[in-house]
Amino acid sequence: MTTDSVDFAKAMADETRQRVMRLLCQRWLCVGDIVHEMRGISQPTVSHHLGILREAGLVHMRRDGKQIFYSLNQDEVAVCCGRLLRNFAPEVAEAAAVVVD
């Protein structure tokens, strides 16, 4: 799934979702773990934000028994950021491609 740039921007526009994404970077957490680490954000609020991130394709999900674990879909984040870079800063994207290649 390739996330639309507008959906990506909407998902990224919320500070709470950005916090959730940082928590999920390079690790799997269940909702309870996320709530514990977010301190002060309720389980329904975390679930709501995870739903938005899931719809945007920005998180992976896996079920383990009754719990669902989430991890950041880093590949999709990179694709979306690259698309934004190519669309709105093509000279920077071109220079970055030369450095990467």
PDB file of N, CA and C in Angstrom:
ATOM      1  N   MET A   1       0.849  -1.191   0.000  1.00  0.00           N
ATOM      2  CA  MET A   1       0.000   0.000   0.000  1.00  0.00           C
ATOM      3  C   MET A   1       0.885   1.243   0.000  1.00  0.00           C
ATOM      4  N   THR A   2       0.637   2.127  -0.907  1.00  0.00           N
ATOM      5  CA  THR A   2       1.348   3.391  -0.916  1.00  0.00           C
ATOM      6  C   THR A   2       0.383   4.480  -0.474  1.00  0.00           C
ATOM      7  N   THR A   3       0.734   5.124   0.606  1.00  0.00           N
ATOM      8  CA  THR A   3      -0.105   6.143   1.197  1.00  0.00           C
ATOM      9  C   THR A   3      -0.119   7.400   0.341  1.00  0.00           C
ATOM     10  N   ASP A   4      -1.283   7.959   0.147  1.00  0.00           N
ATOM     11  CA  ASP A   4      -1.441   9.235  -0.545  1.00  0.00           C
ATOM     12  C   ASP A   4      -0.737  10.319   0.272  1.00  0.00           C
ATOM     13  N   SER A   5      -0.129  11.283  -0.411  1.00  0.00           N
ATOM     14  CA  SER A   5       0.602  12.352   0.276  1.00  0.00           C
ATOM     15  C   SER A   5      -0.279  13.135   1.237  1.00  0.00           C
ATOM     16  N   VAL A   6      -1.533  13.350   0.858  1.00  0.00           N
ATOM     17  CA  VAL A   6      -2.443  14.100   1.732  1.00  0.00           C
ATOM     18  C   VAL A   6      -2.764  13.281   2.977  1.00  0.00           C
ATOM     19  N   ASP A   7      -3.034  11.979   2.812  1.00  0.00           N
ATOM     20  CA  ASP A   7      -3.311  11.123   3.968  1.00  0.00           C
ATOM     21  C   ASP A   7      -2.097  11.051   4.890  1.00  0.00           C
ATOM     22  N   PHE A   8      -0.901  10.975   4.289  1.00  0.00           N
ATOM     23  CA  PHE A   8       0.324  10.958   5.071  1.00  0.00           C
ATOM     24  C   PHE A   8       0.453  12.254   5.877  1.00  0.00           C
ATOM     25  N   ALA A   9       0.238  13.381   5.219  1.00  0.00           N
ATOM     26  CA  ALA A   9       0.351  14.673   5.897  1.00  0.00           C
ATOM     27  C   ALA A   9      -0.678  14.801   7.017  1.00  0.00           C
ATOM     28  N   LYS A  10      -1.894  14.329   6.775  1.00  0.00           N
ATOM     29  CA  LYS A  10      -2.930  14.378   7.817  1.00  0.00           C
ATOM     30  C   LYS A  10      -2.534  13.511   9.008  1.00  0.00           C
ATOM     31  N   ALA A  11      -2.011  12.326   8.728  1.00  0.00           N
ATOM     32  CA  ALA A  11      -1.600  11.435   9.815  1.00  0.00           C
ATOM     33  C   ALA A  11      -0.454  12.044  10.617  1.00  0.00           C
ATOM     34  N   MET A  12       0.453  12.715   9.935  1.00  0.00           N
ATOM     35  CA  MET A  12       1.610  13.316  10.593  1.00  0.00           C
ATOM     36  C   MET A  12       1.292  14.640  11.288  1.00  0.00           C
ATOM     37  N   ALA A  13       0.136  15.213  10.992  1.00  0.00           N
ATOM     38  CA  ALA A  13      -0.199  16.554  11.481  1.00  0.00           C
ATOM     39  C   ALA A  13      -0.526  16.590  12.970  1.00  0.00           C
ATOM     40  N   ASP A  14      -0.653  15.449  13.596  1.00  0.00           N
ATOM     41  CA  ASP A  14      -1.052  15.408  15.001  1.00  0.00           C
ATOM     42  C   ASP A  14       0.152  15.037  15.874  1.00  0.00           C
ATOM     43  N   GLU A  15       0.396  15.821  16.895  1.00  0.00           N
ATOM     44  CA  GLU A  15       1.539  15.595  17.781  1.00  0.00           C
ATOM     45  C   GLU A  15       1.451  14.248  18.500  1.00  0.00           C
ATOM     46  N   THR A  16       0.247  13.858  18.911  1.00  0.00           N
ATOM     47  CA  THR A  16       0.085  12.570  19.587  1.00  0.00           C
ATOM     48  C   THR A  16       0.451  11.423  18.652  1.00  0.00           C
ATOM     49  N   ARG A  17       0.026  11.487  17.390  1.00  0.00           N
ATOM     50  CA  ARG A  17       0.385  10.436  16.441  1.00  0.00           C
ATOM     51  C   ARG A  17       1.890  10.403  16.205  1.00  0.00           C
ATOM     52  N   GLN A  18       2.519  11.550  16.183  1.00  0.00           N
ATOM     53  CA  GLN A  18       3.975  11.574  16.027  1.00  0.00           C
ATOM     54  C   GLN A  18       4.652  10.905  17.221  1.00  0.00           C
ATOM     55  N   ARG A  19       4.122  11.145  18.399  1.00  0.00           N
ATOM     56  CA  ARG A  19       4.670  10.495  19.603  1.00  0.00           C
ATOM     57  C   ARG A  19       4.510   8.983  19.524  1.00  0.00           C
ATOM     58  N   VAL A  20       3.336   8.543  19.084  1.00  0.00           N
ATOM     59  CA  VAL A  20       3.086   7.105  18.929  1.00  0.00           C
ATOM     60  C   VAL A  20       4.059   6.522  17.910  1.00  0.00           C
ATOM     61  N   MET A  21       4.249   7.208  16.789  1.00  0.00           N
ATOM     62  CA  MET A  21       5.158   6.725  15.755  1.00  0.00           C
ATOM     63  C   MET A  21       6.593   6.613  16.283  1.00  0.00           C
ATOM     64  N   ARG A  22       7.023   7.585  17.085  1.00  0.00           N
ATOM     65  CA  ARG A  22       8.372   7.511  17.666  1.00  0.00           C
ATOM     66  C   ARG A  22       8.496   6.293  18.581  1.00  0.00           C
ATOM     67  N   LEU A  23       7.441   6.011  19.351  1.00  0.00           N
ATOM     68  CA  LEU A  23       7.468   4.849  20.235  1.00  0.00           C
ATOM     69  C   LEU A  23       7.553   3.542  19.444  1.00  0.00           C
ATOM     70  N   LEU A  24       6.904   3.516  18.299  1.00  0.00           N
ATOM     71  CA  LEU A  24       6.828   2.287  17.507  1.00  0.00           C
ATOM     72  C   LEU A  24       8.002   2.103  16.550  1.00  0.00           C
ATOM     73  N   CYS A  25       8.886   3.052  16.525  1.00  0.00           N
ATOM     74  CA  CYS A  25      10.034   2.971  15.622  1.00  0.00           C
ATOM     75  C   CYS A  25      10.974   1.864  16.102  1.00  0.00           C
ATOM     76  N   GLN A  26      11.144   0.840  15.294  1.00  0.00           N
ATOM     77  CA  GLN A  26      12.056  -0.275  15.523  1.00  0.00           C
ATOM     78  C   GLN A  26      11.671  -1.182  16.685  1.00  0.00           C
ATOM     79  N   ARG A  27      10.391  -1.179  17.074  1.00  0.00           N
ATOM     80  CA  ARG A  27       9.939  -2.139  18.082  1.00  0.00           C
ATOM     81  C   ARG A  27       8.433  -2.354  17.980  1.00  0.00           C
ATOM     82  N   TRP A  28       8.002  -3.463  18.527  1.00  0.00           N
ATOM     83  CA  TRP A  28       6.587  -3.823  18.557  1.00  0.00           C
ATOM     84  C   TRP A  28       6.042  -3.560  19.948  1.00  0.00           C
ATOM     85  N   LEU A  29       4.906  -2.853  20.019  1.00  0.00           N
ATOM     86  CA  LEU A  29       4.243  -2.584  21.296  1.00  0.00           C
ATOM     87  C   LEU A  29       2.751  -2.845  21.149  1.00  0.00           C
ATOM     88  N   CYS A  30       2.129  -3.304  22.248  1.00  0.00           N
ATOM     89  CA  CYS A  30       0.676  -3.419  22.262  1.00  0.00           C
ATOM     90  C   CYS A  30       0.102  -2.095  22.770  1.00  0.00           C
ATOM     91  N   VAL A  31      -1.204  -1.955  22.651  1.00  0.00           N
ATOM     92  CA  VAL A  31      -1.855  -0.697  23.052  1.00  0.00           C
ATOM     93  C   VAL A  31      -1.551  -0.361  24.507  1.00  0.00           C
ATOM     94  N   GLY A  32      -1.611  -1.361  25.375  1.00  0.00           N
ATOM     95  CA  GLY A  32      -1.336  -1.124  26.801  1.00  0.00           C
ATOM     96  C   GLY A  32       0.055  -0.581  27.039  1.00  0.00           C
ATOM     97  N   ASP A  33       1.037  -1.108  26.311  1.00  0.00           N
ATOM     98  CA  ASP A  33       2.413  -0.616  26.438  1.00  0.00           C
ATOM     99  C   ASP A  33       2.514   0.837  25.978  1.00  0.00           C
ATOM    100  N   ILE A  34       1.829   1.148  24.884  1.00  0.00           N
ATOM    101  CA  ILE A  34       1.851   2.520  24.356  1.00  0.00           C
ATOM    102  C   ILE A  34       1.211   3.471  25.367  1.00  0.00           C
ATOM    103  N   VAL A  35       0.063   3.077  25.914  1.00  0.00           N
ATOM    104  CA  VAL A  35      -0.629   3.901  26.917  1.00  0.00           C
ATOM    105  C   VAL A  35       0.300   4.144  28.105  1.00  0.00           C
ATOM    106  N   HIS A  36       0.963   3.094  28.563  1.00  0.00           N
ATOM    107  CA  HIS A  36       1.877   3.221  29.705  1.00  0.00           C
ATOM    108  C   HIS A  36       2.992   4.228  29.407  1.00  0.00           C
ATOM    109  N   GLU A  37       3.564   4.153  28.219  1.00  0.00           N
ATOM    110  CA  GLU A  37       4.677   5.045  27.873  1.00  0.00           C
ATOM    111  C   GLU A  37       4.226   6.465  27.543  1.00  0.00           C
ATOM    112  N   MET A  38       2.975   6.618  27.123  1.00  0.00           N
ATOM    113  CA  MET A  38       2.474   7.954  26.762  1.00  0.00           C
ATOM    114  C   MET A  38       2.109   8.779  27.992  1.00  0.00           C
ATOM    115  N   ARG A  39       1.867   8.142  29.101  1.00  0.00           N
ATOM    116  CA  ARG A  39       1.549   8.819  30.370  1.00  0.00           C
ATOM    117  C   ARG A  39       0.534   9.951  30.191  1.00  0.00           C
ATOM    118  N   GLY A  40      -0.687   9.683  30.588  1.00  0.00           N
ATOM    119  CA  GLY A  40      -1.718  10.713  30.538  1.00  0.00           C
ATOM    120  C   GLY A  40      -2.619  10.631  29.325  1.00  0.00           C
ATOM    121  N   ILE A  41      -2.312   9.758  28.379  1.00  0.00           N
ATOM    122  CA  ILE A  41      -3.158   9.568  27.201  1.00  0.00           C
ATOM    123  C   ILE A  41      -3.941   8.280  27.422  1.00  0.00           C
ATOM    124  N   SER A  42      -5.240   8.354  27.300  1.00  0.00           N
ATOM    125  CA  SER A  42      -6.097   7.200  27.592  1.00  0.00           C
ATOM    126  C   SER A  42      -6.014   6.134  26.508  1.00  0.00           C
ATOM    127  N   GLN A  43      -6.427   4.916  26.861  1.00  0.00           N
ATOM    128  CA  GLN A  43      -6.428   3.797  25.910  1.00  0.00           C
ATOM    129  C   GLN A  43      -7.320   4.082  24.710  1.00  0.00           C
ATOM    130  N   PRO A  44      -8.547   4.631  24.907  1.00  0.00           N
ATOM    131  CA  PRO A  44      -9.354   4.938  23.717  1.00  0.00           C
ATOM    132  C   PRO A  44      -8.692   5.958  22.787  1.00  0.00           C
ATOM    133  N   THR A  45      -7.986   6.918  23.350  1.00  0.00           N
ATOM    134  CA  THR A  45      -7.303   7.925  22.532  1.00  0.00           C
ATOM    135  C   THR A  45      -6.161   7.287  21.741  1.00  0.00           C
ATOM    136  N   VAL A  46      -5.378   6.436  22.401  1.00  0.00           N
ATOM    137  CA  VAL A  46      -4.290   5.746  21.709  1.00  0.00           C
ATOM    138  C   VAL A  46      -4.862   4.875  20.596  1.00  0.00           C
ATOM    139  N   SER A  47      -5.928   4.140  20.885  1.00  0.00           N
ATOM    140  CA  SER A  47      -6.552   3.281  19.873  1.00  0.00           C
ATOM    141  C   SER A  47      -7.053   4.093  18.683  1.00  0.00           C
ATOM    142  N   HIS A  48      -7.619   5.247  18.967  1.00  0.00           N
ATOM    143  CA  HIS A  48      -8.093   6.131  17.899  1.00  0.00           C
ATOM    144  C   HIS A  48      -6.934   6.535  16.982  1.00  0.00           C
ATOM    145  N   HIS A  49      -5.837   6.965  17.573  1.00  0.00           N
ATOM    146  CA  HIS A  49      -4.686   7.400  16.788  1.00  0.00           C
ATOM    147  C   HIS A  49      -4.050   6.232  16.032  1.00  0.00           C
ATOM    148  N   LEU A  50      -4.012   5.059  16.647  1.00  0.00           N
ATOM    149  CA  LEU A  50      -3.495   3.880  15.947  1.00  0.00           C
ATOM    150  C   LEU A  50      -4.371   3.547  14.741  1.00  0.00           C
ATOM    151  N   GLY A  51      -5.679   3.735  14.867  1.00  0.00           N
ATOM    152  CA  GLY A  51      -6.585   3.493  13.746  1.00  0.00           C
ATOM    153  C   GLY A  51      -6.277   4.409  12.573  1.00  0.00           C
ATOM    154  N   ILE A  52      -6.007   5.662  12.861  1.00  0.00           N
ATOM    155  CA  ILE A  52      -5.665   6.619  11.794  1.00  0.00           C
ATOM    156  C   ILE A  52      -4.338   6.226  11.141  1.00  0.00           C
ATOM    157  N   LEU A  53      -3.363   5.864  11.963  1.00  0.00           N
ATOM    158  CA  LEU A  53      -2.068   5.439  11.421  1.00  0.00           C
ATOM    159  C   LEU A  53      -2.207   4.148  10.613  1.00  0.00           C
ATOM    160  N   ARG A  54      -3.055   3.248  11.070  1.00  0.00           N
ATOM    161  CA  ARG A  54      -3.294   1.991  10.356  1.00  0.00           C
ATOM    162  C   ARG A  54      -3.943   2.260   9.002  1.00  0.00           C
ATOM    163  N   GLU A  55      -4.953   3.125   8.979  1.00  0.00           N
ATOM    164  CA  GLU A  55      -5.631   3.471   7.725  1.00  0.00           C
ATOM    165  C   GLU A  55      -4.674   4.131   6.733  1.00  0.00           C
ATOM    166  N   ALA A  56      -3.710   4.873   7.241  1.00  0.00           N
ATOM    167  CA  ALA A  56      -2.728   5.537   6.379  1.00  0.00           C
ATOM    168  C   ALA A  56      -1.595   4.586   5.975  1.00  0.00           C
ATOM    169  N   GLY A  57      -1.608   3.366   6.511  1.00  0.00           N
ATOM    170  CA  GLY A  57      -0.568   2.394   6.167  1.00  0.00           C
ATOM    171  C   GLY A  57       0.756   2.646   6.856  1.00  0.00           C
ATOM    172  N   LEU A  58       0.739   3.402   7.941  1.00  0.00           N
ATOM    173  CA  LEU A  58       1.984   3.798   8.592  1.00  0.00           C
ATOM    174  C   LEU A  58       2.395   2.896   9.748  1.00  0.00           C
ATOM    175  N   VAL A  59       1.569   1.896  10.068  1.00  0.00           N
ATOM    176  CA  VAL A  59       1.946   0.925  11.100  1.00  0.00           C
ATOM    177  C   VAL A  59       1.686  -0.486  10.587  1.00  0.00           C
ATOM    178  N   HIS A  60       2.502  -1.409  11.077  1.00  0.00           N
ATOM    179  CA  HIS A  60       2.279  -2.835  10.873  1.00  0.00           C
ATOM    180  C   HIS A  60       1.531  -3.350  12.089  1.00  0.00           C
ATOM    181  N   MET A  61       0.744  -4.397  11.893  1.00  0.00           N
ATOM    182  CA  MET A  61       0.024  -5.022  13.001  1.00  0.00           C
ATOM    183  C   MET A  61       0.308  -6.517  12.995  1.00  0.00           C
ATOM    184  N   ARG A  62       0.378  -7.096  14.210  1.00  0.00           N
ATOM    185  CA  ARG A  62       0.421  -8.549  14.330  1.00  0.00           C
ATOM    186  C   ARG A  62      -0.330  -8.941  15.598  1.00  0.00           C
ATOM    187  N   ARG A  63      -1.053 -10.022  15.487  1.00  0.00           N
ATOM    188  CA  ARG A  63      -1.842 -10.501  16.617  1.00  0.00           C
ATOM    189  C   ARG A  63      -1.044 -11.579  17.346  1.00  0.00           C
ATOM    190  N   ASP A  64      -1.066 -11.501  18.662  1.00  0.00           N
ATOM    191  CA  ASP A  64      -0.464 -12.525  19.516  1.00  0.00           C
ATOM    192  C   ASP A  64      -1.483 -12.832  20.599  1.00  0.00           C
ATOM    193  N   GLY A  65      -2.237 -13.893  20.396  1.00  0.00           N
ATOM    194  CA  GLY A  65      -3.332 -14.208  21.316  1.00  0.00           C
ATOM    195  C   GLY A  65      -4.418 -13.153  21.181  1.00  0.00           C
ATOM    196  N   LYS A  66      -4.784 -12.553  22.306  1.00  0.00           N
ATOM    197  CA  LYS A  66      -5.830 -11.521  22.289  1.00  0.00           C
ATOM    198  C   LYS A  66      -5.274 -10.122  22.050  1.00  0.00           C
ATOM    199  N   GLN A  67      -3.964  -9.993  22.104  1.00  0.00           N
ATOM    200  CA  GLN A  67      -3.365  -8.666  21.949  1.00  0.00           C
ATOM    201  C   GLN A  67      -2.923  -8.428  20.515  1.00  0.00           C
ATOM    202  N   ILE A  68      -2.982  -7.167  20.123  1.00  0.00           N
ATOM    203  CA  ILE A  68      -2.466  -6.746  18.824  1.00  0.00           C
ATOM    204  C   ILE A  68      -1.254  -5.866  19.087  1.00  0.00           C
ATOM    205  N   PHE A  69      -0.181  -6.174  18.394  1.00  0.00           N
ATOM    206  CA  PHE A  69       1.046  -5.412  18.524  1.00  0.00           C
ATOM    207  C   PHE A  69       1.240  -4.572  17.262  1.00  0.00           C
ATOM    208  N   TYR A  70       1.834  -3.412  17.453  1.00  0.00           N
ATOM    209  CA  TYR A  70       2.037  -2.457  16.369  1.00  0.00           C
ATOM    210  C   TYR A  70       3.510  -2.095  16.276  1.00  0.00           C
ATOM    211  N   SER A  71       3.943  -1.808  15.059  1.00  0.00           N
ATOM    212  CA  SER A  71       5.291  -1.322  14.801  1.00  0.00           C
ATOM    213  C   SER A  71       5.206  -0.318  13.655  1.00  0.00           C
ATOM    214  N   LEU A  72       6.096   0.640  13.633  1.00  0.00           N
ATOM    215  CA  LEU A  72       6.095   1.646  12.584  1.00  0.00           C
ATOM    216  C   LEU A  72       6.466   1.014  11.246  1.00  0.00           C
ATOM    217  N   ASN A  73       5.727   1.333  10.219  1.00  0.00           N
ATOM    218  CA  ASN A  73       6.028   0.887   8.858  1.00  0.00           C
ATOM    219  C   ASN A  73       7.044   1.874   8.275  1.00  0.00           C
ATOM    220  N   GLN A  74       8.305   1.653   8.597  1.00  0.00           N
ATOM    221  CA  GLN A  74       9.362   2.579   8.199  1.00  0.00           C
ATOM    222  C   GLN A  74       9.484   2.700   6.686  1.00  0.00           C
ATOM    223  N   ASP A  75       9.242   1.608   5.980  1.00  0.00           N
ATOM    224  CA  ASP A  75       9.321   1.663   4.523  1.00  0.00           C
ATOM    225  C   ASP A  75       8.301   2.644   3.957  1.00  0.00           C
ATOM    226  N   GLU A  76       7.082   2.597   4.476  1.00  0.00           N
ATOM    227  CA  GLU A  76       6.029   3.490   3.983  1.00  0.00           C
ATOM    228  C   GLU A  76       6.335   4.941   4.358  1.00  0.00           C
ATOM    229  N   VAL A  77       6.853   5.166   5.548  1.00  0.00           N
ATOM    230  CA  VAL A  77       7.241   6.521   5.956  1.00  0.00           C
ATOM    231  C   VAL A  77       8.306   7.056   5.001  1.00  0.00           C
ATOM    232  N   ALA A  78       9.293   6.223   4.675  1.00  0.00           N
ATOM    233  CA  ALA A  78      10.365   6.647   3.768  1.00  0.00           C
ATOM    234  C   ALA A  78       9.828   6.950   2.373  1.00  0.00           C
ATOM    235  N   VAL A  79       8.928   6.114   1.872  1.00  0.00           N
ATOM    236  CA  VAL A  79       8.342   6.342   0.547  1.00  0.00           C
ATOM    237  C   VAL A  79       7.588   7.669   0.528  1.00  0.00           C
ATOM    238  N   CYS A  80       6.781   7.903   1.557  1.00  0.00           N
ATOM    239  CA  CYS A  80       5.986   9.138   1.611  1.00  0.00           C
ATOM    240  C   CYS A  80       6.872  10.371   1.743  1.00  0.00           C
ATOM    241  N   CYS A  81       7.889  10.288   2.583  1.00  0.00           N
ATOM    242  CA  CYS A  81       8.804  11.431   2.729  1.00  0.00           C
ATOM    243  C   CYS A  81       9.556  11.682   1.426  1.00  0.00           C
ATOM    244  N   GLY A  82       9.956  10.612   0.757  1.00  0.00           N
ATOM    245  CA  GLY A  82      10.644  10.764  -0.523  1.00  0.00           C
ATOM    246  C   GLY A  82       9.757  11.400  -1.571  1.00  0.00           C
ATOM    247  N   ARG A  83       8.484  11.006  -1.596  1.00  0.00           N
ATOM    248  CA  ARG A  83       7.542  11.590  -2.549  1.00  0.00           C
ATOM    249  C   ARG A  83       7.364  13.074  -2.277  1.00  0.00           C
ATOM    250  N   LEU A  84       7.230  13.445  -1.014  1.00  0.00           N
ATOM    251  CA  LEU A  84       7.098  14.866  -0.674  1.00  0.00           C
ATOM    252  C   LEU A  84       8.352  15.635  -1.083  1.00  0.00           C
ATOM    253  N   LEU A  85       9.487  15.036  -0.846  1.00  0.00           N
ATOM    254  CA  LEU A  85      10.745  15.681  -1.214  1.00  0.00           C
ATOM    255  C   LEU A  85      10.833  15.886  -2.723  1.00  0.00           C
ATOM    256  N   ARG A  86      10.491  14.854  -3.488  1.00  0.00           N
ATOM    257  CA  ARG A  86      10.530  14.976  -4.956  1.00  0.00           C
ATOM    258  C   ARG A  86       9.529  16.007  -5.468  1.00  0.00           C
ATOM    259  N   ASN A  87       8.366  16.083  -4.827  1.00  0.00           N
ATOM    260  CA  ASN A  87       7.324  17.013  -5.283  1.00  0.00           C
ATOM    261  C   ASN A  87       7.595  18.458  -4.894  1.00  0.00           C
ATOM    262  N   PHE A  88       8.167  18.673  -3.725  1.00  0.00           N
ATOM    263  CA  PHE A  88       8.272  20.035  -3.215  1.00  0.00           C
ATOM    264  C   PHE A  88       9.701  20.551  -3.053  1.00  0.00           C
ATOM    265  N   ALA A  89      10.671  19.677  -3.190  1.00  0.00           N
ATOM    266  CA  ALA A  89      12.081  20.088  -3.120  1.00  0.00           C
ATOM    267  C   ALA A  89      12.887  19.213  -4.069  1.00  0.00           C
ATOM    268  N   PRO A  90      12.560  19.276  -5.358  1.00  0.00           N
ATOM    269  CA  PRO A  90      13.203  18.368  -6.319  1.00  0.00           C
ATOM    270  C   PRO A  90      14.716  18.504  -6.391  1.00  0.00           C
ATOM    271  N   GLU A  91      15.242  19.702  -6.213  1.00  0.00           N
ATOM    272  CA  GLU A  91      16.695  19.873  -6.256  1.00  0.00           C
ATOM    273  C   GLU A  91      17.356  19.172  -5.076  1.00  0.00           C
ATOM    274  N   VAL A  92      16.731  19.257  -3.925  1.00  0.00           N
ATOM    275  CA  VAL A  92      17.263  18.571  -2.746  1.00  0.00           C
ATOM    276  C   VAL A  92      17.158  17.060  -2.938  1.00  0.00           C
ATOM    277  N   ALA A  93      16.021  16.596  -3.478  1.00  0.00           N
ATOM    278  CA  ALA A  93      15.837  15.169  -3.726  1.00  0.00           C
ATOM    279  C   ALA A  93      16.881  14.648  -4.703  1.00  0.00           C
ATOM    280  N   GLU A  94      17.158  15.424  -5.748  1.00  0.00           N
ATOM    281  CA  GLU A  94      18.154  15.013  -6.745  1.00  0.00           C
ATOM    282  C   GLU A  94      19.532  14.942  -6.106  1.00  0.00           C
ATOM    283  N   ALA A  95      19.880  15.919  -5.288  1.00  0.00           N
ATOM    284  CA  ALA A  95      21.186  15.922  -4.621  1.00  0.00           C
ATOM    285  C   ALA A  95      21.287  14.748  -3.648  1.00  0.00           C
ATOM    286  N   ALA A  96      20.210  14.452  -2.959  1.00  0.00           N
ATOM    287  CA  ALA A  96      20.203  13.325  -2.018  1.00  0.00           C
ATOM    288  C   ALA A  96      20.344  12.006  -2.769  1.00  0.00           C
ATOM    289  N   ALA A  97      19.739  11.894  -3.932  1.00  0.00           N
ATOM    290  CA  ALA A  97      19.827  10.664  -4.729  1.00  0.00           C
ATOM    291  C   ALA A  97      21.260  10.432  -5.178  1.00  0.00           C
ATOM    292  N   VAL A  98      21.972  11.482  -5.492  1.00  0.00           N
ATOM    293  CA  VAL A  98      23.369  11.345  -5.902  1.00  0.00           C
ATOM    294  C   VAL A  98      24.194  10.867  -4.741  1.00  0.00           C
ATOM    295  N   VAL A  99      23.953  11.393  -3.548  1.00  0.00           N
ATOM    296  CA  VAL A  99      24.709  10.994  -2.354  1.00  0.00           C
ATOM    297  C   VAL A  99      24.394   9.541  -2.010  1.00  0.00           C
ATOM    298  N   VAL A 100      23.124   9.132  -2.109  1.00  0.00           N
ATOM    299  CA  VAL A 100      22.702   7.783  -1.764  1.00  0.00           C
ATOM    300  C   VAL A 100      23.235   6.772  -2.767  1.00  0.00           C
ATOM    301  N   ASP A 101      23.212   7.127  -4.054  1.00  0.00           N
ATOM    302  CA  ASP A 101      23.651   6.190  -5.098  1.00  0.00           C
ATOM    303  C   ASP A 101      25.108   6.001  -5.023  1.00  0.00           C
TER     304      ASP A 101
END
